[in-house]
Protein backbone atom coordinates (compact mmCIF):
# COMPACT_ATOMS: atom_id res chain seq x y z
CA MET A 1 9.88 109.63 -54.86
CA ASP A 2 6.40 109.54 -53.37
CA PHE A 3 4.25 112.63 -53.00
CA THR A 4 0.88 113.64 -51.60
CA ARG A 5 -0.91 116.89 -52.43
CA THR A 6 -4.34 118.34 -51.68
CA LEU A 7 -6.01 120.91 -53.93
CA SER A 8 -9.18 122.85 -53.24
CA TYR A 9 -11.70 123.88 -55.90
CA PRO A 10 -14.66 126.28 -55.50
CA ALA A 11 -17.21 123.90 -57.04
CA LEU A 12 -18.81 120.52 -56.45
CA PRO A 13 -17.08 117.32 -57.64
CA ASP A 14 -19.30 116.85 -60.72
CA GLU A 15 -18.35 120.33 -61.94
CA VAL A 16 -14.67 119.74 -61.21
CA ALA A 17 -14.70 116.39 -63.04
CA ALA A 18 -16.47 117.97 -66.04
CA MET A 19 -13.82 120.72 -66.08
CA CYS A 20 -10.99 118.18 -65.95
CA LEU A 21 -12.48 116.37 -68.95
CA ASP A 22 -12.98 119.53 -71.03
CA GLU A 23 -10.44 120.02 -73.84
CA ALA A 24 -10.82 123.80 -73.66
CA TYR A 25 -9.86 123.70 -69.98
CA SER A 26 -6.76 121.62 -70.79
CA HIS A 27 -5.72 124.24 -73.37
CA LEU A 28 -6.28 127.07 -70.87
CA ARG A 29 -4.36 125.24 -68.14
CA ALA A 30 -1.36 124.73 -70.45
CA SER A 31 -1.52 128.34 -71.63
CA LYS A 32 -1.57 129.64 -68.04
CA ALA A 33 1.51 127.50 -67.35
CA GLY A 34 3.32 129.30 -70.18
CA MET A 35 3.06 126.50 -72.73
CA SER A 36 2.15 127.52 -76.27
CA GLU A 37 2.54 124.32 -78.33
CA VAL A 38 -0.32 122.15 -77.05
CA GLU A 39 -2.47 119.38 -78.51
CA VAL A 40 -5.43 117.96 -76.60
CA SER A 41 -7.54 114.93 -77.42
CA THR A 42 -10.38 113.25 -75.55
CA ARG A 43 -11.51 109.66 -75.74
CA GLY A 44 -14.38 108.90 -73.38
CA THR A 45 -13.24 109.92 -69.90
CA THR A 46 -9.56 110.20 -70.82
CA VAL A 47 -7.91 113.46 -71.82
CA THR A 48 -4.43 113.37 -73.34
CA THR A 49 -2.49 116.62 -73.53
CA THR A 50 0.78 116.77 -75.46
CA ILE A 51 2.93 119.79 -74.73
CA VAL A 52 6.24 120.89 -76.24
CA VAL A 53 8.10 122.29 -73.24
CA PRO A 54 10.52 125.23 -73.44
CA THR A 55 14.01 123.92 -72.66
CA GLN A 56 14.45 126.42 -69.82
CA ASN A 57 11.80 124.44 -67.90
CA ILE A 58 13.80 121.18 -68.07
CA PRO A 59 16.76 120.41 -65.75
CA GLN A 60 20.01 120.58 -67.75
CA ILE A 61 21.08 117.09 -66.77
CA ALA A 62 17.83 115.71 -68.18
CA LEU A 63 18.26 117.66 -71.42
CA MET A 64 21.59 115.92 -71.96
CA ARG A 65 19.68 112.65 -72.47
CA LEU A 66 17.43 114.11 -75.17
CA PRO A 67 18.34 112.84 -78.67
CA GLU A 68 19.80 115.47 -80.99
CA GLY A 69 17.03 117.37 -82.75
CA ALA A 70 14.30 116.12 -80.40
CA ARG A 71 12.18 118.64 -78.52
CA PRO A 72 11.25 118.07 -74.88
CA THR A 73 7.63 116.96 -74.85
CA LEU A 74 5.25 116.08 -72.03
CA VAL A 75 2.37 113.69 -72.54
CA LEU A 76 -0.20 114.19 -69.78
CA THR A 77 -2.99 111.66 -69.48
CA ASP A 78 -5.95 112.24 -67.15
CA THR A 79 -8.66 109.62 -66.72
CA TRP A 80 -11.72 110.14 -64.53
CA ALA A 81 -14.56 107.85 -63.48
CA ARG A 82 -17.18 107.79 -60.77
CA GLY A 83 -16.39 105.00 -58.32
CA GLU A 84 -18.78 102.65 -56.58
CA ASP A 85 -18.47 104.95 -53.56
CA GLY A 86 -20.06 107.75 -55.61
CA LEU A 87 -16.85 109.80 -55.64
CA TRP A 88 -14.86 110.77 -58.73
CA HIS A 89 -11.54 108.90 -58.98
CA GLY A 90 -8.80 109.91 -61.35
CA THR A 91 -5.46 108.71 -62.58
CA PHE A 92 -2.86 111.07 -63.90
CA SER A 93 0.36 110.25 -65.70
CA VAL A 94 3.16 112.29 -67.17
CA GLU A 95 5.53 110.75 -69.64
CA VAL A 96 8.46 112.49 -71.26
CA PRO A 97 9.44 110.69 -74.47
CA HIS A 98 13.21 110.13 -74.85
CA MET A 99 13.80 111.15 -71.24
CA PRO A 100 14.09 109.05 -68.08
CA VAL A 101 11.27 110.85 -66.25
CA GLU A 102 7.76 109.73 -65.42
CA ALA A 103 5.13 110.61 -62.86
CA ARG A 104 1.89 108.94 -61.88
CA ALA A 105 -0.79 109.88 -59.40
CA GLU A 106 -4.23 108.88 -58.27
CA SER A 107 -6.83 111.41 -57.18
CA VAL A 108 -10.14 111.45 -55.40
CA LEU A 109 -12.58 114.37 -55.55
CA ARG A 110 -14.37 114.82 -52.23
CA PRO A 111 -17.12 117.36 -51.61
CA THR A 112 -16.45 119.79 -48.77
CA GLY A 113 -19.49 121.71 -47.72
CA GLN A 114 -22.12 122.80 -50.21
CA THR A 115 -19.90 124.38 -52.86
CA ALA A 116 -16.33 123.08 -52.72
CA THR A 117 -14.21 120.05 -53.54
CA LEU A 118 -10.93 118.69 -52.24
CA ARG A 119 -8.73 116.77 -54.64
CA GLU A 120 -6.53 114.36 -52.74
CA MET A 121 -3.54 113.24 -54.84
CA THR A 122 -1.00 110.53 -54.09
CA GLY A 123 1.68 109.55 -56.53
CA GLN A 124 5.25 108.91 -57.47
CA VAL A 125 7.91 110.61 -59.57
CA HIS A 126 10.68 108.46 -61.02
CA VAL A 127 13.84 109.73 -62.69
CA ARG A 128 16.13 107.02 -64.00
CA VAL A 129 19.48 108.83 -63.98
CA PRO A 130 22.27 107.21 -61.95
CA LEU A 131 23.46 109.31 -59.00
CA PHE A 132 21.36 112.34 -59.98
CA GLY A 133 17.87 110.77 -60.03
CA PRO A 134 16.80 111.80 -56.50
CA ARG A 135 18.01 115.38 -57.02
CA ILE A 136 16.08 115.64 -60.29
CA GLU A 137 12.99 114.08 -58.66
CA THR A 138 13.09 116.88 -56.07
CA GLN A 139 13.30 119.46 -58.88
CA VAL A 140 10.39 117.78 -60.68
CA LEU A 141 8.28 117.91 -57.49
CA ASP A 142 9.18 121.59 -57.01
CA ARG A 143 7.99 122.27 -60.56
CA LEU A 144 4.88 120.16 -59.90
CA ASP A 145 4.04 122.37 -56.91
CA VAL A 146 4.30 125.49 -59.09
CA LEU A 147 2.06 123.87 -61.71
CA LEU A 148 -0.49 122.74 -59.11
CA ARG A 149 -0.76 126.28 -57.72
CA ALA A 150 -1.33 127.51 -61.28
CA GLU A 151 -3.87 124.70 -61.75
CA VAL A 152 -5.92 125.90 -58.78
CA ASP A 153 -5.81 129.52 -60.01
CA CYS A 154 -6.81 128.42 -63.52
CA ALA A 155 -9.58 126.16 -62.20
CA THR A 156 -10.95 128.94 -59.99
CA GLU A 157 -11.11 131.23 -63.03
CA TRP A 158 -12.71 128.49 -65.17
CA LEU A 159 -15.30 127.56 -62.55
CA ALA A 160 -16.26 131.22 -61.99
CA ARG A 161 -17.31 131.65 -65.66
CA PRO A 162 -21.00 132.17 -66.27
CA ALA A 163 -22.76 129.00 -67.44
CA LEU A 164 -23.36 128.91 -71.18
């Protein structure tokens, strides 16, 4: 299922990209989303966040495919780079080990005015469950919308901090 979303940040693209690449921001973002078991690692301009997700946040039909004893885990990978056009371009992926769910998106950070940035996202969510896949994809996108609203709130808080 394809999706397009636009987020607005109260800072210029360089600040937004720096935030997206900051491990402390990734921890805060996961915490604000109610996730407590989080590991973050950075390699160059790629941030990988591994999150153990509470089972109440996973559709029941998807949980049925989880191997016995396994915990639902998300692996989020964000990669950012400045393009030849001078804009920041990002790729985002979500993988759920042992589950038939994945999401991928591409983003562009565009300055708007003197102090703001729009993040234009286009992507796809795929759920490989016969008959139920499209219904679960809709649920995943609904959850994504909740997380993106939390992302903007968290980013606004982060970007408003005094510079160290």
